[in-house]
Protein backbone atom coordinates (compact mmCIF):
# COMPACT_ATOMS: atom_id res chain seq x y z
CA MET A 1 5.18 -2.16 -50.71
CA HIS A 2 3.41 -4.71 -52.91
CA LEU A 3 -0.29 -5.38 -53.37
CA ARG A 4 -1.71 -8.41 -55.11
CA LEU A 5 -5.42 -8.67 -55.90
CA ARG A 6 -6.70 -11.81 -57.59
CA ARG A 7 -9.64 -14.11 -58.00
CA PRO A 8 -9.85 -17.54 -56.38
CA LYS A 9 -8.52 -20.30 -58.60
CA HIS A 10 -11.50 -22.50 -57.88
CA GLN A 11 -15.14 -21.69 -58.48
CA ALA A 12 -16.15 -23.45 -55.27
CA ASP A 13 -15.23 -21.63 -52.09
CA TYR A 14 -14.69 -24.83 -50.17
CA ALA A 15 -12.96 -27.87 -51.59
CA ALA A 16 -12.27 -31.32 -50.17
CA THR A 17 -8.98 -31.57 -52.06
CA ALA A 18 -6.53 -29.01 -53.38
CA TYR A 19 -3.28 -29.24 -55.32
CA PRO A 20 -1.26 -27.51 -58.05
CA ALA A 21 -0.40 -29.17 -61.33
CA SER A 22 2.94 -30.48 -60.05
CA ILE A 23 1.40 -32.45 -57.16
CA GLU A 24 0.66 -36.01 -58.25
CA ARG A 25 -1.45 -36.75 -55.20
CA PRO A 26 -3.62 -34.02 -53.64
CA PHE A 27 -3.80 -32.63 -50.16
CA VAL A 28 -6.80 -34.20 -48.44
CA ARG A 29 -8.72 -32.44 -45.70
CA ILE A 30 -8.90 -34.81 -42.71
CA ALA A 31 -10.31 -32.39 -40.11
CA GLU A 32 -12.62 -29.41 -40.51
CA ALA A 33 -14.77 -27.00 -38.50
CA GLY A 34 -12.59 -27.36 -35.40
CA PHE A 35 -13.25 -31.09 -35.08
CA GLY A 36 -16.94 -30.22 -35.16
CA ASP A 37 -16.56 -27.35 -32.66
CA GLY A 38 -16.02 -23.91 -34.18
CA TRP A 39 -14.42 -22.62 -30.96
CA ASN A 40 -11.36 -24.77 -31.75
CA SER A 41 -9.61 -21.96 -33.61
CA TYR A 42 -5.91 -22.85 -33.82
CA PRO A 43 -4.01 -26.12 -34.24
CA HIS A 44 -1.44 -24.38 -32.06
CA SER A 45 0.73 -27.48 -31.68
CA MET A 46 1.25 -30.67 -33.67
CA ALA A 47 3.61 -33.64 -33.28
CA TRP A 48 4.10 -37.16 -34.58
CA PHE A 49 4.20 -39.60 -31.63
CA ARG A 50 3.78 -43.36 -31.47
CA ASP A 51 2.61 -43.69 -35.08
CA ALA A 52 -0.07 -41.04 -34.74
CA LEU A 53 -0.54 -37.30 -35.25
CA TYR A 54 -1.33 -35.23 -32.18
CA VAL A 55 -2.94 -31.80 -32.42
CA GLY A 56 -3.28 -29.36 -29.53
CA THR A 57 -5.92 -26.66 -29.89
CA THR A 58 -6.36 -23.10 -28.69
CA ARG A 59 -9.96 -21.97 -28.41
CA ALA A 60 -11.96 -18.81 -29.09
CA ASN A 61 -8.92 -16.75 -30.13
CA LEU A 62 -10.86 -13.81 -31.56
CA CYS A 63 -13.00 -13.54 -28.45
CA SER A 64 -9.85 -13.61 -26.30
CA ILE A 65 -8.39 -10.79 -28.40
CA LYS A 66 -11.60 -8.77 -28.08
CA ALA A 67 -11.52 -9.18 -24.30
CA ALA A 68 -7.85 -8.25 -24.00
CA ARG A 69 -7.17 -5.42 -26.45
CA PRO A 70 -9.54 -5.05 -29.41
CA PRO A 71 -7.88 -3.42 -32.44
CA GLY A 72 -10.75 -1.03 -33.16
CA PHE A 73 -12.85 -2.76 -35.82
CA VAL A 74 -16.09 -1.16 -36.96
CA PHE A 75 -17.80 -4.51 -36.26
CA TRP A 76 -16.43 -7.62 -34.56
CA PRO A 77 -15.89 -10.52 -37.02
CA ILE A 78 -17.49 -13.23 -34.86
CA ARG A 79 -20.16 -13.26 -32.18
CA CYS A 80 -18.63 -13.15 -28.69
CA PRO A 81 -20.33 -12.99 -25.30
CA ASP A 82 -19.76 -9.94 -23.13
CA ASP A 83 -17.73 -12.10 -20.77
CA VAL A 84 -15.25 -14.35 -22.58
CA TYR A 85 -15.33 -16.74 -19.62
CA GLU A 86 -18.88 -17.72 -20.58
CA ILE A 87 -17.26 -19.75 -23.37
CA ASP A 88 -15.91 -23.19 -22.58
CA ARG A 89 -12.33 -22.41 -23.58
CA ARG A 90 -10.77 -25.60 -22.22
CA ALA A 91 -8.07 -26.62 -24.71
CA GLU A 92 -8.08 -30.06 -26.30
CA ILE A 93 -5.63 -32.63 -27.68
CA TRP A 94 -6.71 -34.78 -30.62
CA ARG A 95 -5.12 -37.94 -32.06
CA PHE A 96 -5.18 -39.18 -35.67
CA ALA A 97 -3.71 -42.57 -36.64
CA PRO A 98 -3.46 -42.96 -40.45
CA SER A 99 -3.95 -46.73 -40.11
CA GLU A 100 -7.28 -46.12 -38.41
CA GLY A 101 -8.37 -43.04 -40.34
CA THR A 102 -10.33 -41.54 -37.46
CA TRP A 103 -9.87 -38.76 -34.91
CA GLU A 104 -10.07 -39.23 -31.16
CA ARG A 105 -10.04 -36.53 -28.50
CA VAL A 106 -7.56 -37.86 -25.97
CA TYR A 107 -7.40 -34.92 -23.57
CA LYS A 108 -9.34 -31.85 -22.50
CA SER A 109 -8.12 -29.28 -20.01
CA PRO A 110 -9.73 -29.49 -16.57
CA TRP A 111 -11.37 -26.54 -14.92
CA TYR A 112 -9.34 -24.56 -12.45
CA VAL A 113 -11.30 -23.91 -9.30
CA PRO A 114 -9.76 -21.40 -6.87
CA PRO A 115 -9.43 -22.54 -3.24
CA GLY A 116 -12.87 -22.56 -1.67
CA GLY A 117 -14.57 -22.36 -5.07
CA ASN A 118 -17.43 -24.54 -6.30
CA PRO A 119 -16.28 -27.14 -8.89
CA ASP A 120 -19.89 -27.51 -10.07
CA ALA A 121 -20.42 -23.79 -10.69
CA PRO A 122 -21.44 -22.58 -14.19
CA ALA A 123 -18.67 -22.11 -16.73
CA ALA A 124 -18.67 -18.33 -16.32
CA GLN A 125 -17.78 -18.80 -12.64
CA ARG A 126 -14.94 -21.21 -13.32
CA VAL A 127 -11.65 -20.82 -15.18
CA PRO A 128 -10.06 -23.25 -17.64
CA ARG A 129 -6.68 -24.40 -16.44
CA ASP A 130 -5.44 -24.33 -20.08
CA ILE A 131 -6.94 -22.32 -22.95
CA GLY A 132 -4.36 -23.55 -25.44
CA TYR A 133 -1.59 -26.03 -26.12
CA ARG A 134 1.01 -23.95 -27.86
CA GLY A 135 3.90 -26.36 -28.44
CA MET A 136 4.66 -30.09 -28.60
CA LYS A 137 7.93 -32.00 -28.71
CA VAL A 138 8.85 -35.66 -28.49
CA PHE A 139 11.77 -35.90 -26.07
CA ARG A 140 13.47 -38.36 -23.72
CA GLY A 141 14.77 -36.74 -20.58
CA VAL A 142 17.20 -38.17 -18.04
CA SER A 143 14.42 -39.70 -15.93
CA ASP A 144 12.26 -40.81 -18.85
CA GLU A 145 12.24 -44.56 -19.40
CA THR A 146 11.11 -43.97 -22.96
CA GLU A 147 10.32 -41.09 -25.29
CA ALA A 148 7.54 -38.85 -24.04
CA LEU A 149 5.35 -36.20 -25.61
CA TYR A 150 5.85 -32.84 -23.86
CA VAL A 151 3.19 -30.14 -24.30
CA LEU A 152 3.36 -26.41 -23.56
CA THR A 153 0.21 -24.96 -22.02
CA TRP A 154 -1.40 -21.53 -22.10
CA SER A 155 -3.02 -20.37 -18.87
CA PRO A 156 -5.81 -17.75 -18.81
CA SER A 157 -4.77 -14.57 -17.06
CA LYS A 158 -7.80 -14.67 -14.75
CA SER A 159 -6.62 -17.88 -13.09
CA GLY A 160 -3.50 -16.26 -11.66
CA GLN A 161 -1.70 -19.56 -12.25
CA PRO A 162 1.56 -19.93 -14.21
CA SER A 163 1.80 -21.99 -17.36
CA ILE A 164 2.74 -25.64 -16.82
CA MET A 165 3.94 -28.46 -19.05
CA LEU A 166 2.10 -31.70 -19.76
CA ARG A 167 3.83 -35.04 -20.34
CA SER A 168 2.55 -38.28 -21.84
CA THR A 169 4.26 -41.61 -22.50
CA ASP A 170 1.30 -43.33 -24.15
CA GLY A 171 -0.47 -40.45 -25.91
CA ARG A 172 -3.59 -40.84 -23.83
CA GLU A 173 -2.74 -39.88 -20.26
CA PHE A 174 -1.27 -36.40 -19.85
CA VAL A 175 0.25 -35.46 -16.51
CA PRO A 176 1.50 -32.00 -15.43
CA THR A 177 5.23 -31.69 -14.76
CA THR A 178 7.04 -29.07 -12.69
CA PRO A 179 6.43 -25.41 -13.65
CA HIS A 180 9.00 -23.84 -15.94
CA GLU A 181 9.83 -21.11 -13.44
CA GLU A 182 8.36 -19.52 -10.38
CA ASP A 183 7.12 -16.37 -12.14
CA SER A 184 3.34 -16.72 -11.91
CA THR A 185 2.81 -13.86 -14.39
CA VAL A 186 4.08 -16.00 -17.31
CA THR A 187 0.97 -17.46 -18.94
CA THR A 188 2.43 -19.24 -21.97
CA TYR A 189 5.55 -20.48 -23.70
CA ARG A 190 6.00 -20.57 -27.45
CA ALA A 191 9.17 -22.27 -28.74
CA LEU A 192 10.12 -25.84 -27.82
CA CYS A 193 13.35 -27.38 -29.14
CA ALA A 194 15.44 -30.46 -28.35
CA TYR A 195 19.22 -29.95 -28.55
CA LYS A 196 22.18 -31.87 -27.08
CA GLY A 197 19.98 -33.97 -24.82
CA ARG A 198 18.17 -30.98 -23.38
CA LEU A 199 14.80 -29.36 -23.94
CA PHE A 200 14.78 -25.60 -24.55
CA THR A 201 11.87 -23.17 -24.39
CA ALA A 202 11.12 -19.46 -23.93
CA PRO A 203 8.27 -17.54 -22.24
CA ALA A 204 5.94 -15.82 -24.71
CA GLY A 205 3.08 -14.36 -22.69
CA ARG A 206 2.63 -12.47 -19.47
CA THR A 207 -0.26 -11.05 -17.49
CA ALA A 208 0.02 -7.73 -15.72
CA GLY A 209 -2.15 -9.08 -12.92
CA TRP A 210 -4.83 -7.26 -10.97
CA LYS A 211 -4.83 -3.81 -9.41
CA GLY A 212 -7.68 -2.23 -7.47
CA GLY A 213 -10.02 -5.06 -8.49
CA LYS A 214 -9.30 -4.46 -12.20
CA HIS A 215 -7.34 -6.72 -14.50
CA MET A 216 -4.43 -4.81 -16.00
CA GLY A 217 -4.18 -6.68 -19.28
CA VAL A 218 -2.20 -9.44 -20.91
CA GLU A 219 0.42 -9.76 -23.61
CA ASP A 220 0.34 -13.05 -25.49
CA CYS A 221 3.34 -12.66 -27.79
CA ALA A 222 5.99 -10.84 -25.75
CA VAL A 223 7.02 -10.72 -22.11
CA GLY A 224 9.29 -7.68 -22.05
CA GLN A 225 12.43 -9.78 -21.82
CA ALA A 226 14.03 -12.40 -24.10
CA VAL A 227 14.78 -15.44 -21.93
CA VAL A 228 15.81 -18.98 -22.93
CA LEU A 229 15.31 -21.88 -20.50
CA GLU A 230 16.70 -25.44 -20.58
CA ASN A 231 16.06 -28.72 -18.84
CA ALA A 232 17.67 -32.13 -19.34
CA ASP A 233 15.14 -33.77 -17.01
CA PRO A 234 11.74 -32.02 -17.17
CA LEU A 235 10.19 -34.79 -15.10
CA ARG A 236 12.36 -34.18 -12.04
CA ARG A 237 14.40 -30.98 -12.27
CA PRO A 238 13.58 -27.27 -12.35
CA TRP A 239 14.26 -25.21 -15.45
CA ARG A 240 17.19 -22.83 -15.61
CA VAL A 241 17.92 -19.67 -17.59
CA VAL A 242 20.79 -20.07 -20.08
CA ASN A 243 21.23 -16.57 -21.51
CA VAL A 244 21.89 -13.10 -20.22
CA PRO A 245 18.39 -11.57 -20.10
CA SER A 246 17.47 -10.13 -23.50
CA PHE A 247 21.02 -11.01 -24.67
CA GLY A 248 22.14 -7.74 -23.13
CA ASP A 249 19.78 -5.63 -25.28
CA ARG A 250 16.62 -4.41 -23.52
CA GLY A 251 14.98 -4.02 -26.94
CA ASN A 252 14.65 -7.79 -27.26
CA LEU A 253 11.14 -8.37 -25.88
CA ALA A 254 10.87 -12.13 -26.33
CA VAL A 255 12.28 -15.17 -28.11
CA PHE A 256 9.78 -16.31 -30.74
CA ASP A 257 11.50 -19.44 -32.03
CA LEU A 258 14.38 -21.83 -31.30
CA HIS A 259 15.99 -24.23 -33.75
CA ALA A 260 19.05 -26.48 -33.99
CA PHE A 261 21.28 -26.08 -37.06
CA ASN A 262 24.92 -26.82 -37.84
CA ASP A 263 25.63 -27.97 -34.25
CA TYR A 264 24.32 -24.71 -32.78
CA LEU A 265 21.09 -23.67 -31.11
CA TYR A 266 19.60 -20.55 -32.71
CA ALA A 267 17.21 -18.12 -31.04
CA GLY A 268 15.14 -15.52 -32.89
CA THR A 269 13.87 -12.46 -31.03
CA VAL A 270 11.21 -9.78 -31.44
CA ASN A 271 12.58 -6.23 -31.29
CA ALA A 272 10.95 -2.93 -32.31
CA GLN A 273 14.19 -1.94 -34.07
CA GLY A 274 14.25 -5.22 -35.99
CA PHE A 275 14.72 -8.81 -34.86
CA GLN A 276 18.01 -10.32 -33.73
CA LEU A 277 19.27 -13.86 -34.39
CA TRP A 278 21.61 -15.45 -31.84
CA LYS A 279 23.38 -18.83 -31.64
CA THR A 280 25.17 -20.90 -28.99
CA ASP A 281 26.86 -24.29 -28.68
CA ALA A 282 25.38 -24.57 -25.16
CA GLU A 283 28.65 -25.81 -23.68
CA GLY A 284 29.96 -25.07 -20.20
CA GLU A 285 27.85 -23.56 -17.45
CA PRO A 286 24.97 -21.15 -18.11
CA PRO A 287 24.59 -18.44 -19.02
CA TYR A 288 26.11 -19.79 -22.22
CA LYS A 289 28.13 -17.79 -24.70
CA TRP A 290 25.81 -16.51 -27.42
CA VAL A 291 26.95 -15.01 -30.73
CA LYS A 292 24.85 -12.42 -32.58
CA VAL A 293 24.31 -13.53 -36.20
CA LEU A 294 21.80 -10.94 -37.46
CA THR A 295 20.55 -7.62 -36.11
CA GLN A 296 18.16 -4.80 -37.03
CA GLY A 297 15.84 -7.23 -38.81
CA ALA A 298 18.61 -8.16 -41.27
CA HIS A 299 18.87 -4.41 -41.94
CA ARG A 300 15.22 -4.00 -42.85
CA GLY A 301 14.58 -2.46 -39.45
CA PRO A 302 11.18 -2.49 -37.71
CA LEU A 303 9.42 -4.00 -40.74
CA ASN A 304 11.18 -7.22 -39.73
CA GLU A 305 10.08 -6.86 -36.13
CA GLY A 306 10.29 -10.53 -35.20
CA ILE A 307 11.37 -14.00 -36.28
CA ALA A 308 8.20 -16.07 -36.42
CA THR A 309 9.71 -19.36 -37.62
CA LEU A 310 13.07 -21.05 -38.10
CA CYS A 311 13.75 -24.20 -40.15
CA ALA A 312 16.92 -26.05 -41.17
CA HIS A 313 16.80 -27.19 -44.78
CA GLY A 314 19.77 -28.32 -46.84
CA GLU A 315 22.81 -26.18 -46.06
CA HIS A 316 20.86 -23.25 -44.64
CA LEU A 317 18.74 -22.11 -41.74
CA TYR A 318 15.63 -20.45 -43.17
CA ILE A 319 13.95 -17.56 -41.35
CA GLY A 320 10.34 -16.42 -41.66
CA THR A 321 9.74 -12.93 -40.31
CA GLY A 322 6.72 -10.89 -39.30
CA ILE A 323 5.27 -7.92 -37.47
CA GLN A 324 3.27 -8.61 -34.33
CA SER A 325 -0.54 -8.67 -34.43
CA GLY A 326 -0.73 -9.96 -37.98
CA GLY A 327 1.55 -7.55 -39.80
CA TYR A 328 0.57 -4.29 -38.07
CA ASP A 329 1.86 -3.56 -34.57
CA ARG A 330 -0.48 -0.71 -33.63
CA PRO A 331 0.88 -0.01 -30.12
CA LEU A 332 4.38 0.50 -31.55
CA ASN A 333 3.14 1.94 -34.88
CA ILE A 334 5.06 -0.61 -36.97
CA GLY A 335 3.68 -1.57 -40.37
CA PRO A 336 1.55 -2.68 -41.96
CA ALA A 337 3.99 -4.61 -44.13
CA ALA A 338 4.43 -8.07 -45.57
CA ALA A 339 6.94 -10.56 -44.20
CA GLU A 340 10.26 -11.80 -45.56
CA ILE A 341 12.09 -15.10 -45.89
CA LEU A 342 15.84 -15.04 -45.22
CA ARG A 343 18.45 -17.75 -44.94
CA VAL A 344 21.72 -18.12 -43.02
CA ALA A 345 24.63 -20.42 -43.89
CA ALA A 346 26.98 -22.18 -41.50
CA ASP A 347 29.55 -19.36 -41.85
CA ASP A 348 26.87 -16.77 -40.87
CA SER A 349 26.61 -15.36 -44.39
CA TRP A 350 23.02 -14.69 -45.37
CA ASP A 351 20.62 -14.04 -48.24
CA VAL A 352 17.29 -12.33 -48.73
CA VAL A 353 15.16 -15.11 -50.22
CA VAL A 354 11.76 -13.41 -50.42
CA GLY A 355 11.73 -9.71 -49.56
CA SER A 356 12.97 -6.21 -50.26
CA PRO A 357 16.30 -5.34 -51.94
CA ARG A 358 18.54 -3.18 -49.73
CA LYS A 359 21.99 -2.02 -48.81
CA THR A 360 23.65 -3.90 -45.93
CA PRO A 361 27.10 -3.93 -44.29
CA ARG A 362 27.75 -7.06 -46.37
CA GLY A 363 26.84 -5.38 -49.62
CA PHE A 364 23.65 -4.95 -51.62
CA LYS A 365 21.10 -7.74 -51.12
CA SER A 366 18.38 -8.64 -53.65
CA PRO A 367 15.86 -11.46 -53.15
CA ILE A 368 17.28 -14.59 -54.78
CA SER A 369 13.75 -15.77 -55.62
CA ARG A 370 12.87 -12.42 -57.25
CA PHE A 371 9.75 -12.27 -55.06
CA GLY A 372 9.06 -9.22 -52.94
CA PRO A 373 7.80 -9.39 -49.32
CA GLY A 374 5.04 -11.92 -48.75
CA PHE A 375 5.55 -13.37 -52.27
CA ASN A 376 4.29 -9.96 -53.49
CA ASN A 377 1.22 -10.26 -51.26
CA PHE A 378 0.74 -7.18 -49.07
CA PHE A 379 -1.55 -9.10 -46.71
CA ALA A 380 1.03 -11.78 -45.75
CA GLY A 381 1.67 -10.38 -42.27
CA TYR A 382 4.09 -13.12 -41.35
CA PHE A 383 5.47 -16.44 -42.41
CA TRP A 384 3.92 -18.30 -39.51
CA THR A 385 5.46 -21.76 -39.81
CA SER A 386 7.93 -23.75 -41.88
CA GLY A 387 9.01 -27.34 -42.30
CA SER A 388 11.37 -29.55 -44.28
CA HIS A 389 9.84 -32.69 -45.78
CA ASP A 390 11.13 -35.13 -48.36
CA GLY A 391 13.64 -32.69 -49.83
CA TRP A 392 11.27 -29.73 -49.93
CA LEU A 393 11.10 -26.64 -47.72
CA TYR A 394 7.53 -25.55 -46.98
CA MET A 395 6.55 -22.05 -45.83
CA GLY A 396 3.07 -21.07 -44.65
CA THR A 397 1.69 -17.54 -44.36
CA TYR A 398 -0.73 -15.67 -42.13
CA ASP A 399 -3.06 -13.54 -44.27
CA TRP A 400 -5.03 -10.69 -42.72
CA SER A 401 -7.09 -9.64 -45.75
CA HIS A 402 -10.29 -11.11 -44.31
CA PHE A 403 -10.20 -8.44 -41.59
CA TYR A 404 -10.11 -5.61 -44.09
CA PRO A 405 -13.88 -4.97 -44.27
CA TYR A 406 -13.93 -4.45 -40.49
CA MET A 407 -11.23 -1.77 -40.45
CA PRO A 408 -12.02 1.97 -40.33
CA GLN A 409 -11.25 3.27 -43.81
CA GLU A 410 -9.52 6.38 -42.47
CA LYS A 411 -6.80 4.08 -41.06
CA PHE A 412 -6.08 2.37 -44.40
CA PRO A 413 -2.55 2.59 -45.80
CA ALA A 414 -2.46 4.91 -48.83
CA ARG A 415 -1.93 2.10 -51.31
CA MET A 416 -4.92 0.18 -49.96
CA ALA A 417 -7.11 3.27 -49.94
CA ARG A 418 -6.39 3.73 -53.65
CA ALA A 419 -7.25 0.07 -54.35
CA CYS A 420 -10.59 0.43 -52.58
CA ARG A 421 -11.67 3.11 -55.05
CA TYR A 422 -12.22 0.33 -57.57
CA VAL A 423 -13.48 -2.62 -55.46
CA SER A 424 -15.59 -2.84 -52.32
CA LEU A 425 -14.10 -4.10 -49.10
CA GLU A 426 -16.28 -7.20 -49.29
CA GLN A 427 -15.15 -7.88 -52.85
CA LEU A 428 -11.56 -7.39 -51.82
CA ALA A 429 -11.83 -9.91 -49.00
CA ALA A 430 -13.83 -12.40 -51.07
CA SER A 431 -11.43 -12.25 -54.03
CA ARG A 432 -8.19 -12.92 -52.18
CA ALA A 433 -8.77 -13.98 -48.58
CA GLY A 434 -7.06 -17.14 -47.40
CA CYS A 435 -3.55 -18.14 -46.38
CA GLU A 436 -0.84 -19.46 -48.69
CA LEU A 437 1.45 -22.47 -48.61
CA TRP A 438 4.65 -22.40 -50.69
CA ARG A 439 7.50 -24.80 -51.24
CA THR A 440 10.99 -24.95 -52.74
CA ARG A 441 13.92 -27.29 -52.99
CA ASP A 442 16.69 -24.72 -53.35
CA GLY A 443 15.30 -21.44 -51.98
CA GLU A 444 15.32 -19.83 -55.44
CA ARG A 445 12.44 -21.51 -57.28
CA TRP A 446 9.12 -21.55 -55.43
CA GLU A 447 5.59 -22.70 -56.18
CA ALA A 448 2.33 -22.06 -54.39
CA LEU A 449 0.40 -25.12 -53.24
CA THR A 450 -2.56 -22.98 -52.26
CA ASP A 451 -3.16 -19.24 -52.39
CA ASN A 452 -6.71 -19.21 -51.00
CA GLY A 453 -6.62 -21.19 -47.77
CA PHE A 454 -7.25 -24.52 -49.48
CA GLY A 455 -10.46 -23.07 -50.88
CA ASN A 456 -11.75 -21.68 -47.56
CA ARG A 457 -11.55 -17.90 -47.25
CA TYR A 458 -11.72 -18.17 -43.44
CA ASN A 459 -8.50 -20.20 -43.26
CA PHE A 460 -6.26 -17.25 -42.44
CA GLY A 461 -3.01 -18.96 -41.45
CA ILE A 462 -0.88 -22.06 -41.83
CA ARG A 463 -0.01 -22.66 -38.18
CA ARG A 464 1.82 -26.00 -38.10
CA LEU A 465 3.65 -28.33 -40.49
CA VAL A 466 4.66 -31.86 -39.44
CA SER A 467 6.77 -34.24 -41.53
CA THR A 468 5.97 -37.92 -40.89
CA PRO A 469 6.60 -41.32 -42.50
CA HIS A 470 3.04 -41.09 -43.84
CA GLY A 471 3.44 -37.69 -45.48
CA LEU A 472 3.10 -34.02 -44.59
CA PHE A 473 0.40 -32.78 -42.24
CA VAL A 474 -0.71 -29.13 -42.36
CA GLY A 475 -2.54 -27.45 -39.48
CA VAL A 476 -4.60 -24.41 -40.54
CA ALA A 477 -5.82 -21.71 -38.15
CA ASN A 478 -9.39 -20.49 -38.62
CA PRO A 479 -10.99 -18.46 -35.78
CA PHE A 480 -14.18 -17.48 -37.65
CA GLY A 481 -16.62 -19.68 -35.79
CA PRO A 482 -19.08 -20.69 -34.60
CA GLU A 483 -20.92 -17.54 -35.85
CA VAL A 484 -19.43 -15.08 -38.32
CA SER A 485 -20.50 -11.57 -39.25
CA TYR A 486 -22.04 -10.59 -42.59
CA LYS A 487 -23.91 -7.67 -44.13
CA ASN A 488 -27.62 -8.23 -44.60
CA GLU A 489 -29.76 -6.89 -47.44
CA GLN A 490 -30.12 -3.57 -45.64
CA GLY A 491 -26.32 -3.19 -45.50
CA GLN A 492 -26.23 -3.73 -41.77
CA TRP A 493 -23.93 -6.08 -39.91
CA ASP A 494 -25.32 -9.23 -38.32
CA TYR A 495 -24.21 -12.76 -37.38
CA ARG A 496 -25.01 -16.19 -38.75
CA PRO A 497 -23.68 -19.74 -38.18
CA ASN A 498 -20.47 -20.48 -40.06
CA PRO A 499 -19.94 -24.17 -40.94
CA ARG A 500 -16.58 -23.19 -42.44
CA GLY A 501 -15.25 -21.74 -39.19
CA GLY A 502 -12.82 -23.62 -36.96
CA LEU A 503 -9.38 -25.13 -37.54
CA GLU A 504 -8.60 -27.56 -40.33
CA VAL A 505 -5.96 -30.26 -40.88
CA TRP A 506 -4.75 -31.28 -44.35
CA TRP A 507 -2.66 -34.28 -45.36
CA LEU A 508 -0.31 -34.72 -48.32
CA GLN A 509 -0.29 -38.51 -48.42
CA GLN A 510 2.34 -39.09 -51.07
CA ASN A 511 5.35 -36.91 -51.53
CA PRO A 512 5.47 -35.14 -54.90
CA GLN A 513 8.28 -36.02 -57.27
CA ARG A 514 8.31 -33.17 -59.78
CA GLU A 515 10.78 -30.34 -59.46
CA CYS A 516 9.70 -26.70 -59.58
CA GLN A 517 9.75 -25.52 -63.18
């Protein structure tokens, strides 16, 4: 277990540009404060379509978590109403054209009004049809006359409606397509991948429904079964399952990511005994033949509970791991622990890139980068997203250190309890809060592009990376708005407006030329 405490590199807590010495042109912040609305917490999906960047938001994430299953903080980090449905949580899609240099909101979820309901009722008496847009992919199906932008939706559990998919051919009009499957308990889908002329996805959230007038809860990251669906014609045809449920192992609770590499489709699962990685050539009739590539979290066990991101770069498929709920799965008592980066070659051989040395059936494995889990950062709960751009592999982290002051001290890991003898919880969060973005060309030499959330301590995760002809776009999750907690002069918790809360988008306009040193 590694712990890294450090001071911010910049005196200012909030910067308009940020870059290391090897970047000739800086990252520029092109969106902040949730497009002016602090409830826009996550840039949950991003895609390049028709010469513009599209960003799908998920709203009020911390309030949704509080309503579903609060983790037991001593004080809640942001102000939330007693009823989360008092918030306008209707998800949004925003468009940015570099040639124009301005943002435009092109879509906002409609309200869902149950049969016989009043469409003009107050927000608390209505339900958003979509509270998030969790995935985007440009794809041309059999019935599509041209490429279309397909968008995965996230339905609130209270609506009782299944998740749907949106489709747009012009980037301005978004029309629902057929549901993915008839299971109305599935509220969201996570992965979205194009492969061999078909679109693949996997359910990632399920509601337990209602019983005796009481809602029985919701799970937003696992559905209890790892299922992969495909569709060559999302506009006209129903989706079909293409794997044996959970790949024949009931421990596989969901598929977190899908990615094409070396003429195969790869699927990464979440499993309390450690993730599994599977691949298929998707030939013949489903269920297809799948081959297990990795198991037991690449022999790290539960500390590699899930595969959060997959990315093909060079001659390898890179894997970013993580533990559910930000690096500490309390219901299953897994963690806390930092995440790893692994890579798999075409012949299924593999390396630990960033992580713990260990014995494996293929011999002893040491990290080829010489970095421990999380790049030696204990708070890096998972590598949330990855992308290949202009010869570089980029990896972004989720960092949970900002939550530390809200945690009961008796639940601290021993190493953290010792650290807190010398610094206060507020000092600890202030000195090192903020997500990290790293890059490499070869997997061995890495450099950090930011280690403090681009200068904003509330930026707790790199959520999306999109490579485009105009450069690299980075979507940063920040749920600490519109009002964030603080300790007043009397040492008591209170709330105040937070202009630094809400998602951000950063743009690397010109690709760097210098190699890592």
